C-alpha atoms as a PDB file:
ATOM      1  CA  MET A   1       0.250   9.249  -0.809  1.00  0.00           C
ATOM      2  CA  ALA A   2      -2.484   9.101  -3.389  1.00  0.00           C
ATOM      3  CA  THR A   3      -6.018  10.098  -2.517  1.00  0.00           C
ATOM      4  CA  ALA A   4      -8.979   7.806  -3.161  1.00  0.00           C
ATOM      5  CA  SER A   5     -10.088   9.847  -6.172  1.00  0.00           C
ATOM      6  CA  GLU A   6      -6.581   9.679  -7.667  1.00  0.00           C
ATOM      7  CA  ILE A   7      -6.529   5.916  -7.173  1.00  0.00           C
ATOM      8  CA  ARG A   8      -9.975   5.552  -8.774  1.00  0.00           C
ATOM      9  CA  ASP A   9      -8.738   7.460 -11.838  1.00  0.00           C
ATOM     10  CA  MET A  10      -5.865   4.997 -12.370  1.00  0.00           C
ATOM     11  CA  THR A  11      -5.993   2.296 -15.006  1.00  0.00           C
ATOM     12  CA  ASP A  12      -5.965  -1.310 -13.831  1.00  0.00           C
ATOM     13  CA  GLU A  13      -2.263  -1.632 -14.662  1.00  0.00           C
ATOM     14  CA  ALA A  14      -1.406   1.583 -12.817  1.00  0.00           C
ATOM     15  CA  LEU A  15      -3.494   0.414  -9.871  1.00  0.00           C
ATOM     16  CA  LEU A  16      -1.553  -2.835  -9.646  1.00  0.00           C
ATOM     17  CA  GLU A  17       1.753  -0.958  -9.896  1.00  0.00           C
ATOM     18  CA  HIS A  18       0.626   1.414  -7.137  1.00  0.00           C
ATOM     19  CA  LEU A  19      -0.247  -1.621  -5.027  1.00  0.00           C
ATOM     20  CA  ARG A  20       3.220  -3.108  -5.522  1.00  0.00           C
ATOM     21  CA  SER A  21       4.996   0.140  -4.762  1.00  0.00           C
ATOM     22  CA  THR A  22       2.905   0.763  -1.644  1.00  0.00           C
ATOM     23  CA  ARG A  23       3.700  -2.712  -0.333  1.00  0.00           C
ATOM     24  CA  GLN A  24       7.393  -2.091  -0.985  1.00  0.00           C
ATOM     25  CA  GLU A  25       7.138   1.244   0.819  1.00  0.00           C
ATOM     26  CA  ILE A  26       5.514  -0.390   3.852  1.00  0.00           C
ATOM     27  CA  PHE A  27       8.234  -3.032   3.916  1.00  0.00           C
ATOM     28  CA  GLY A  28      10.932  -0.349   3.844  1.00  0.00           C
ATOM     29  CA  LEU A  29       9.212   1.661   6.573  1.00  0.00           C
ATOM     30  CA  ARG A  30       8.876  -1.414   8.784  1.00  0.00           C
ATOM     31  CA  PHE A  31      12.554  -2.189   8.275  1.00  0.00           C
ATOM     32  CA  LYS A  32      13.567   1.377   9.129  1.00  0.00           C
ATOM     33  CA  ASN A  33      11.349   1.317  12.201  1.00  0.00           C
ATOM     34  CA  ALA A  34      12.882  -1.944  13.402  1.00  0.00           C
ATOM     35  CA  THR A  35      16.401  -0.564  13.050  1.00  0.00           C
ATOM     36  CA  GLY A  36      15.495   2.721  14.695  1.00  0.00           C
ATOM     37  CA  ASP A  37      16.074   4.835  11.587  1.00  0.00           C
ATOM     38  CA  LEU A  38      12.448   5.887  11.072  1.00  0.00           C
ATOM     39  CA  GLU A  39      11.895   9.416  12.329  1.00  0.00           C
ATOM     40  CA  ASN A  40       8.303   9.914  11.164  1.00  0.00           C
ATOM     41  CA  THR A  41       6.393   6.907  12.468  1.00  0.00           C
ATOM     42  CA  ALA A  42       3.099   8.399  11.241  1.00  0.00           C
ATOM     43  CA  SER A  43       4.206   7.597   7.684  1.00  0.00           C
ATOM     44  CA  MET A  44       3.632   3.913   8.429  1.00  0.00           C
ATOM     45  CA  GLY A  45      -0.039   4.563   9.168  1.00  0.00           C
ATOM     46  CA  SER A  46      -0.568   6.675   6.084  1.00  0.00           C
ATOM     47  CA  ALA A  47       1.128   4.036   3.909  1.00  0.00           C
ATOM     48  CA  ARG A  48      -1.125   1.345   5.365  1.00  0.00           C
ATOM     49  CA  ARG A  49      -4.203   3.465   4.715  1.00  0.00           C
ATOM     50  CA  SER A  50      -3.066   3.997   1.134  1.00  0.00           C
ATOM     51  CA  LEU A  51      -2.663   0.237   0.736  1.00  0.00           C
ATOM     52  CA  ALA A  52      -6.140  -0.336   2.163  1.00  0.00           C
ATOM     53  CA  ARG A  53      -7.640   2.248  -0.233  1.00  0.00           C
ATOM     54  CA  THR A  54      -5.901   0.626  -3.186  1.00  0.00           C
ATOM     55  CA  LEU A  55      -7.056  -2.867  -2.223  1.00  0.00           C
ATOM     56  CA  THR A  56     -10.622  -1.653  -1.687  1.00  0.00           C
ATOM     57  CA  ILE A  57     -10.789   0.005  -5.091  1.00  0.00           C
ATOM     58  CA  ALA A  58      -9.230  -3.039  -6.761  1.00  0.00           C
ATOM     59  CA  ARG A  59     -11.855  -5.287  -5.173  1.00  0.00           C
ATOM     60  CA  GLN A  60     -14.632  -2.906  -6.228  1.00  0.00           C
ATOM     61  CA  ARG A  61     -13.408  -3.207  -9.817  1.00  0.00           C
ATOM     62  CA  GLY A  62     -13.347  -6.977  -9.556  1.00  0.00           C
ATOM     63  CA  ILE A  63      -9.565  -7.234  -9.578  1.00  0.00           C
ATOM     64  CA  TYR A  64      -8.741  -9.919  -7.049  1.00  0.00           C
ATOM     65  CA  ILE A  65      -5.080  -9.826  -6.179  1.00  0.00           C
ATOM     66  CA  GLU A  66      -3.400 -12.979  -5.015  1.00  0.00           C
ATOM     67  CA  ASN A  67      -1.580 -12.062  -1.860  1.00  0.00           C
ATOM     68  CA  GLU A  68       1.949 -13.208  -2.464  1.00  0.00           C
ATOM     69  CA  SER A  69       2.568 -12.581   1.189  1.00  0.00           C
ATOM     70  CA  ARG A  70      -0.084 -11.758   3.780  1.00  0.00           C
ATOM     71  CA  ALA A  71       2.704 -10.457   6.037  1.00  0.00           C
ATOM     72  CA  ASP A  72       2.991  -7.381   3.784  1.00  0.00           C
ATOM     73  CA  THR A  73      -0.351  -6.104   5.002  1.00  0.00           C
ATOM     74  CA  HIS A  74       0.060  -6.946   8.676  1.00  0.00           C
ATOM     75  CA  GLY A  75       2.813  -5.820  10.852  1.00  0.00           C
END
């Protein structure tokens, strides 16, 4: 997981890519958890926090991301 300072140092394009990959990671973790394959459930919380950091920094920069699916951030 990237720290807030690492996320702030990213370019806008890298920030958006990090956002996409974090959402994909959360989806995969939720799927593993639902099937009982997730051993480290704390990784879901850290992935969500990373997503929240990324979204916060994007909003601070004035990059408003259209949520293609609100379900990605809740669950």
